[in-house]
Amino acid sequence: MYKLNYRVALAPMAGVTDHAFRSVSRRLGAEFVYTEMLSAKALKYEDKKTAQLAELFDDDNPIAAQIFGSEPDAMAYAAAKLADGSYKYCRGNLTPDTIDINMGCPAPKISGSGDGSALLRTPELAERIVRQCALRCPIPVTVKMRIGWDEDSICGVEFARRMEAAGASAITVHGRTRAGRFCAPINFDELSRIKRAISVPMIANGEIFNADDAMRMFERTGCDAVMVGRGALGNPWIFSEIQARLEGREYTPPTPRERIDTALGELRMCVFEKGEYIGVRESRKRLAWYLKGLRGAAAARDEINRAQSVDSIADILNRLAESATE
């Protein structure tokens, strides 16, 4: 049986969990991380941009490569290729520790094509996908799902059992339906029922924004680990906070200077790996998350959105740090 060696994970988030964000999160306490969501079909046809999203780095492991799609053959092909690191566009020979199958994304452009959370409505197809991936993949295959399509079709227990029977080594469950997206209350009772119904590890996800939320999730569901998504945006220290609570230590929040230095470090890494033009533009929204709540943040965000270089952004951030600590 697959053994879960972590209690706190960073969730896969499209457009967010690139290497720079993963690296910062891991340094601050995330024990397990995920790639951005990868299209199995695009990987099958060796789309260069998608394959580059799957690229791993020396400090990435342990990590899961998450794939999405609804064609069993394409999913199994992508899983196998990711597992042996054989995509020609990926540098190095690093491989993920697990392959995760996305069955929970509620975005219309994903579920509208039958992928992501739409698989909750086609459990037989979902089973075939997991079974074929598990058969062809030399590393564990896991599933990320929701508790159902909507409140009238909650199917978490049955669906999770079927995924386990098909070969899933662990299951992550977001405690909302697809219709609930990111607004509905977390259904702790259904999460608890799913945990009791399966024998593989269960990771619980949804509405974790601080250590109190994480402890509530552990206590009310009995989950083996928690996964943090939106709660880490601009606050990767949430992993330090949760780890401190788990270990019975006192947690000290970051100072404004520490927040800005971390944001600047992530920006520099992103630019180093993607080039200044792409790195600066992709980092703008992340920098805004880091600055939230700081005095002078609104004006700084406006300046950053006009900035074209790392040096100009560094100057803006350093001026903000000085004013925020006066």
Protein backbone atom coordinates (compact mmCIF):
# COMPACT_ATOMS: atom_id res chain seq x y z
CA MET A 1 0.00 0.00 0.00
CA TYR A 2 1.13 3.53 -0.82
CA LYS A 3 2.44 5.26 2.31
CA LEU A 4 1.76 8.97 2.70
CA ASN A 5 4.90 10.62 4.06
CA TYR A 6 3.50 14.11 4.54
CA ARG A 7 0.72 15.96 6.33
CA VAL A 8 0.71 19.31 4.52
CA ALA A 9 0.66 19.70 0.73
CA LEU A 10 0.49 22.55 -1.76
CA ALA A 11 -2.43 22.16 -4.16
CA PRO A 12 -1.99 22.19 -7.93
CA MET A 13 -3.16 25.55 -9.32
CA ALA A 14 -3.15 26.48 -12.99
CA GLY A 15 -1.02 29.53 -13.69
CA VAL A 16 0.35 29.52 -10.14
CA THR A 17 2.27 26.43 -9.07
CA ASP A 18 5.29 26.76 -11.30
CA HIS A 19 8.75 25.98 -9.95
CA ALA A 20 9.24 29.42 -8.38
CA PHE A 21 6.05 29.17 -6.34
CA ARG A 22 6.68 25.53 -5.45
CA SER A 23 10.19 26.35 -4.27
CA VAL A 24 9.04 29.14 -1.95
CA SER A 25 6.21 27.00 -0.57
CA ARG A 26 8.49 24.06 0.09
CA ARG A 27 11.06 26.24 1.86
CA LEU A 28 8.30 27.50 4.14
CA GLY A 29 6.89 24.10 5.06
CA ALA A 30 4.97 22.47 2.19
CA GLU A 31 6.04 18.83 2.36
CA PHE A 32 4.52 17.76 -0.95
CA VAL A 33 3.83 19.83 -4.06
CA TYR A 34 2.14 19.49 -7.45
CA THR A 35 2.81 20.76 -10.94
CA GLU A 36 0.29 22.96 -12.65
CA MET A 37 -2.58 21.07 -14.26
CA LEU A 38 -1.29 19.43 -17.47
CA SER A 39 -3.40 18.52 -20.49
CA ALA A 40 -2.89 14.84 -21.28
CA LYS A 41 -3.91 15.39 -24.88
CA ALA A 42 -1.41 18.22 -25.30
CA LEU A 43 1.30 16.09 -23.73
CA LYS A 44 0.46 13.18 -26.03
CA TYR A 45 1.06 15.40 -29.05
CA GLU A 46 4.21 16.80 -27.40
CA ASP A 47 3.01 20.36 -27.22
CA LYS A 48 6.14 22.25 -26.24
CA LYS A 49 4.51 24.76 -23.89
CA THR A 50 2.60 22.07 -22.00
CA ALA A 51 5.64 19.81 -21.74
CA GLN A 52 7.63 22.69 -20.27
CA LEU A 53 5.01 23.05 -17.53
CA ALA A 54 5.85 19.47 -16.59
CA GLU A 55 9.55 20.21 -16.21
CA LEU A 56 10.92 19.34 -12.78
CA PHE A 57 13.85 20.84 -10.90
CA ASP A 58 16.37 19.51 -8.39
CA ASP A 59 14.46 20.79 -5.36
CA ASP A 60 11.00 19.66 -6.52
CA ASN A 61 10.74 16.14 -5.10
CA PRO A 62 8.56 14.86 -3.60
CA ILE A 63 6.10 16.06 -6.23
CA ALA A 64 3.09 14.89 -8.21
CA ALA A 65 2.53 15.69 -11.86
CA GLN A 66 -1.19 16.37 -12.28
CA ILE A 67 -2.88 15.56 -15.58
CA PHE A 68 -6.39 16.20 -16.85
CA GLY A 69 -8.43 14.80 -19.70
CA SER A 70 -11.16 12.29 -20.45
CA GLU A 71 -9.58 9.96 -23.03
CA PRO A 72 -8.20 6.86 -21.25
CA ASP A 73 -5.53 6.14 -23.86
CA ALA A 74 -4.22 9.71 -23.89
CA MET A 75 -4.26 9.87 -20.09
CA ALA A 76 -2.37 6.59 -19.74
CA TYR A 77 0.16 7.61 -22.40
CA ALA A 78 0.82 10.95 -20.70
CA ALA A 79 1.08 9.32 -17.27
CA ALA A 80 3.62 6.78 -18.50
CA LYS A 81 5.72 9.39 -20.31
CA LEU A 82 5.75 11.70 -17.30
CA ALA A 83 6.69 8.84 -15.01
CA ASP A 84 9.82 7.97 -16.99
CA GLY A 85 10.78 11.58 -17.81
CA SER A 86 10.91 10.92 -21.53
CA TYR A 87 9.27 14.07 -22.90
CA LYS A 88 11.80 15.50 -25.32
CA TYR A 89 11.12 19.11 -24.33
CA CYS A 90 11.84 18.54 -20.63
CA ARG A 91 15.38 19.19 -19.48
CA GLY A 92 17.11 16.70 -17.21
CA ASN A 93 15.90 13.27 -16.18
CA LEU A 94 13.95 14.10 -13.03
CA THR A 95 10.64 12.31 -12.60
CA PRO A 96 7.61 12.86 -10.35
CA ASP A 97 6.87 10.69 -7.32
CA THR A 98 3.22 10.22 -8.28
CA ILE A 99 0.82 10.95 -11.12
CA ASP A 100 -2.35 12.74 -10.01
CA ILE A 101 -5.54 12.67 -12.08
CA ASN A 102 -7.70 15.78 -11.92
CA MET A 103 -11.36 14.92 -11.40
CA GLY A 104 -12.26 18.04 -9.45
CA CYS A 105 -11.58 21.18 -11.51
CA PRO A 106 -14.87 23.13 -11.70
CA ALA A 107 -13.79 25.60 -14.40
CA PRO A 108 -16.33 25.59 -17.27
CA LYS A 109 -13.63 25.36 -19.94
CA ILE A 110 -12.41 22.13 -18.29
CA SER A 111 -15.61 20.47 -17.09
CA GLY A 112 -17.46 21.64 -20.21
CA SER A 113 -15.22 19.36 -22.27
CA GLY A 114 -15.91 16.35 -20.07
CA ASP A 115 -12.68 16.73 -18.11
CA GLY A 116 -12.01 17.58 -14.46
CA SER A 117 -15.12 17.52 -12.28
CA ALA A 118 -17.26 16.35 -15.21
CA LEU A 119 -15.81 12.87 -14.61
CA LEU A 120 -17.87 12.75 -11.41
CA ARG A 121 -20.86 12.28 -13.73
CA THR A 122 -19.21 9.48 -15.72
CA PRO A 123 -17.76 7.13 -13.08
CA GLU A 124 -17.29 4.26 -15.52
CA LEU A 125 -15.08 6.45 -17.71
CA ALA A 126 -13.23 7.70 -14.63
CA GLU A 127 -12.58 4.09 -13.62
CA ARG A 128 -11.15 3.25 -17.04
CA ILE A 129 -8.84 6.25 -16.87
CA VAL A 130 -7.49 5.32 -13.44
CA ARG A 131 -7.16 1.64 -14.33
CA GLN A 132 -5.24 2.28 -17.55
CA CYS A 133 -2.98 4.86 -15.92
CA ALA A 134 -2.23 2.53 -13.00
CA LEU A 135 -1.46 -0.37 -15.35
CA ARG A 136 0.95 1.61 -17.53
CA CYS A 137 2.52 3.82 -14.89
CA PRO A 138 5.48 2.55 -12.80
CA ILE A 139 4.76 5.02 -9.98
CA PRO A 140 1.63 5.48 -7.82
CA VAL A 141 -1.45 7.04 -9.41
CA THR A 142 -3.67 9.26 -7.27
CA VAL A 143 -6.95 11.09 -7.82
CA LYS A 144 -8.16 14.58 -6.89
CA MET A 145 -11.95 14.85 -6.80
CA ARG A 146 -14.92 16.70 -5.31
CA ILE A 147 -17.80 15.28 -3.30
CA GLY A 148 -20.20 15.42 -6.26
CA TRP A 149 -21.48 17.45 -9.19
CA ASP A 150 -24.09 19.37 -7.18
CA GLU A 151 -26.04 19.05 -3.93
CA ASP A 152 -28.56 16.74 -5.60
CA SER A 153 -25.89 14.31 -6.77
CA ILE A 154 -23.39 13.96 -3.93
CA CYS A 155 -21.46 10.79 -4.73
CA GLY A 156 -18.20 11.13 -2.83
CA VAL A 157 -18.24 7.79 -1.01
CA GLU A 158 -19.20 5.66 -4.00
CA PHE A 159 -16.91 7.52 -6.40
CA ALA A 160 -13.90 7.33 -4.07
CA ARG A 161 -14.45 3.61 -3.56
CA ARG A 162 -14.57 3.06 -7.31
CA MET A 163 -11.36 5.03 -7.83
CA GLU A 164 -9.62 2.99 -5.15
CA ALA A 165 -10.83 -0.26 -6.72
CA ALA A 166 -9.56 0.94 -10.11
CA GLY A 167 -6.06 1.43 -8.72
CA ALA A 168 -5.81 4.86 -7.08
CA SER A 169 -3.14 4.78 -4.36
CA ALA A 170 -4.45 7.89 -2.56
CA ILE A 171 -7.38 10.24 -3.00
CA THR A 172 -7.60 13.98 -2.43
CA VAL A 173 -11.11 15.30 -1.86
CA HIS A 174 -12.22 18.91 -2.08
CA GLY A 175 -15.12 19.25 0.35
CA ARG A 176 -17.49 20.97 -2.07
CA THR A 177 -19.47 19.96 -5.14
CA ARG A 178 -18.62 21.22 -8.59
CA ALA A 179 -21.60 23.59 -8.36
CA GLY A 180 -20.29 24.87 -5.02
CA ARG A 181 -17.03 25.89 -6.69
CA PHE A 182 -15.12 27.86 -4.02
CA CYS A 183 -18.03 29.50 -2.19
CA ALA A 184 -20.24 26.84 -0.61
CA PRO A 185 -19.57 25.64 2.95
CA ILE A 186 -17.23 22.66 3.31
CA ASN A 187 -19.14 19.40 3.79
CA PHE A 188 -17.12 17.93 6.65
CA ASP A 189 -19.59 15.09 7.15
CA GLU A 190 -19.16 13.83 3.59
CA LEU A 191 -15.39 14.11 3.86
CA SER A 192 -15.50 12.05 7.05
CA ARG A 193 -17.69 9.41 5.38
CA ILE A 194 -15.27 9.16 2.46
CA LYS A 195 -12.31 8.76 4.80
CA ARG A 196 -14.04 5.89 6.62
CA ALA A 197 -15.11 4.25 3.36
CA ILE A 198 -11.68 3.86 1.74
CA SER A 199 -8.49 2.13 2.82
CA VAL A 200 -6.03 4.31 0.88
CA PRO A 201 -4.85 7.65 2.32
CA MET A 202 -7.22 10.61 1.98
CA ILE A 203 -6.01 14.19 1.66
CA ALA A 204 -8.63 16.84 2.47
CA ASN A 205 -8.82 20.13 0.61
CA GLY A 206 -10.90 23.28 0.72
CA GLU A 207 -11.14 26.54 2.68
CA ILE A 208 -7.84 26.22 4.54
CA PHE A 209 -6.56 29.74 5.17
CA ASN A 210 -4.78 29.33 8.51
CA ALA A 211 -3.69 26.74 11.06
CA ASP A 212 -7.11 26.76 12.75
CA ASP A 213 -8.73 25.75 9.46
CA ALA A 214 -6.18 22.96 8.98
CA MET A 215 -6.69 21.58 12.49
CA ARG A 216 -10.46 21.70 12.01
CA MET A 217 -10.07 19.68 8.83
CA PHE A 218 -7.93 17.04 10.57
CA GLU A 219 -10.27 16.81 13.55
CA ARG A 220 -13.59 16.73 11.70
CA THR A 221 -12.63 14.41 8.85
CA GLY A 222 -9.85 12.17 10.18
CA CYS A 223 -7.90 12.88 6.98
CA ASP A 224 -4.30 11.77 6.61
CA ALA A 225 -3.12 15.13 5.26
CA VAL A 226 -4.41 18.54 4.25
CA MET A 227 -3.91 20.32 0.95
CA VAL A 228 -3.68 24.12 0.80
CA GLY A 229 -4.58 26.01 -2.36
CA ARG A 230 -5.89 29.58 -2.35
CA GLY A 231 -4.79 30.01 1.26
CA ALA A 232 -1.16 30.01 0.08
CA LEU A 233 -1.59 32.82 -2.46
CA GLY A 234 0.52 35.65 -1.14
CA ASN A 235 0.88 33.75 2.13
CA PRO A 236 3.15 30.73 1.69
CA TRP A 237 3.88 31.14 5.41
CA ILE A 238 0.61 29.28 5.98
CA PHE A 239 2.70 26.12 5.67
CA SER A 240 5.01 27.30 8.46
CA GLU A 241 1.97 28.19 10.56
CA ILE A 242 0.37 24.76 10.11
CA GLN A 243 3.64 22.94 10.75
CA ALA A 244 4.17 24.93 13.95
CA ARG A 245 0.70 24.00 15.16
CA LEU A 246 1.22 20.33 14.36
CA GLU A 247 4.51 20.36 16.26
CA GLY A 248 3.22 22.43 19.19
CA ARG A 249 5.51 25.37 18.44
CA GLU A 250 4.75 29.08 18.49
CA TYR A 251 4.37 30.69 15.07
CA THR A 252 5.71 34.17 14.30
CA PRO A 253 4.13 35.85 11.23
CA PRO A 254 6.47 37.41 8.66
CA THR A 255 7.38 41.08 8.87
CA PRO A 256 6.57 43.41 5.94
CA ARG A 257 10.25 43.26 4.96
CA GLU A 258 10.19 39.44 4.96
CA ARG A 259 7.03 39.41 2.84
CA ILE A 260 8.55 41.74 0.29
CA ASP A 261 11.92 39.94 0.21
CA THR A 262 10.14 36.63 -0.40
CA ALA A 263 8.02 38.15 -3.17
CA LEU A 264 11.12 39.60 -4.80
CA GLY A 265 12.95 36.29 -4.55
CA GLU A 266 10.07 34.49 -6.25
CA LEU A 267 10.02 37.13 -8.99
CA ARG A 268 13.76 36.75 -9.63
CA MET A 269 13.48 32.97 -9.86
CA CYS A 270 10.55 33.21 -12.25
CA VAL A 271 12.45 35.63 -14.47
CA PHE A 272 15.60 33.51 -14.37
CA GLU A 273 13.67 30.46 -15.59
CA LYS A 274 11.26 32.10 -18.05
CA GLY A 275 12.99 35.28 -19.16
CA GLU A 276 12.24 38.84 -18.12
CA TYR A 277 9.36 39.52 -20.49
CA ILE A 278 7.29 36.49 -19.44
CA GLY A 279 8.50 36.36 -15.85
CA VAL A 280 7.58 39.96 -15.07
CA ARG A 281 4.11 39.65 -16.55
CA GLU A 282 3.34 36.33 -14.89
CA SER A 283 4.54 37.63 -11.53
CA ARG A 284 2.42 40.77 -11.35
CA LYS A 285 -0.66 39.11 -9.87
CA ARG A 286 1.46 37.14 -7.39
CA LEU A 287 3.21 40.27 -6.19
CA ALA A 288 -0.20 41.84 -5.59
CA TRP A 289 -1.12 38.89 -3.36
CA TYR A 290 2.05 39.33 -1.30
CA LEU A 291 1.42 43.04 -0.81
CA LYS A 292 -2.19 42.74 0.33
CA GLY A 293 -2.75 44.65 3.56
CA LEU A 294 0.52 46.57 3.51
CA ARG A 295 0.39 50.35 3.78
CA GLY A 296 0.89 51.83 0.33
CA ALA A 297 0.16 48.52 -1.43
CA ALA A 298 -2.47 49.92 -3.81
CA ALA A 299 -0.13 52.53 -5.27
CA ALA A 300 2.69 49.98 -5.46
CA ARG A 301 0.47 47.55 -7.38
CA ASP A 302 -0.35 50.23 -9.93
CA GLU A 303 3.35 50.92 -10.43
CA ILE A 304 4.17 47.21 -10.71
CA ASN A 305 1.52 46.73 -13.38
CA ARG A 306 3.30 49.35 -15.49
CA ALA A 307 6.82 48.11 -14.75
CA GLN A 308 8.71 46.26 -17.47
CA SER A 309 11.82 45.03 -15.67
CA VAL A 310 12.94 43.23 -12.53
CA ASP A 311 15.06 46.19 -11.46
CA SER A 312 12.15 48.62 -11.63
CA ILE A 313 9.92 46.26 -9.64
CA ALA A 314 12.67 45.73 -7.08
CA ASP A 315 12.89 49.49 -6.63
CA ILE A 316 9.12 49.73 -6.12
CA LEU A 317 9.14 46.89 -3.59
CA ASN A 318 12.10 48.26 -1.65
CA ARG A 319 10.45 51.67 -1.37
CA LEU A 320 7.27 49.98 -0.16
CA ALA A 321 9.22 47.98 2.43
CA GLU A 322 10.78 51.14 3.81
CA SER A 323 7.45 52.95 4.08
CA ALA A 324 5.68 49.91 5.55
CA THR A 325 8.16 49.67 8.40
CA GLU A 326 8.34 53.36 9.30
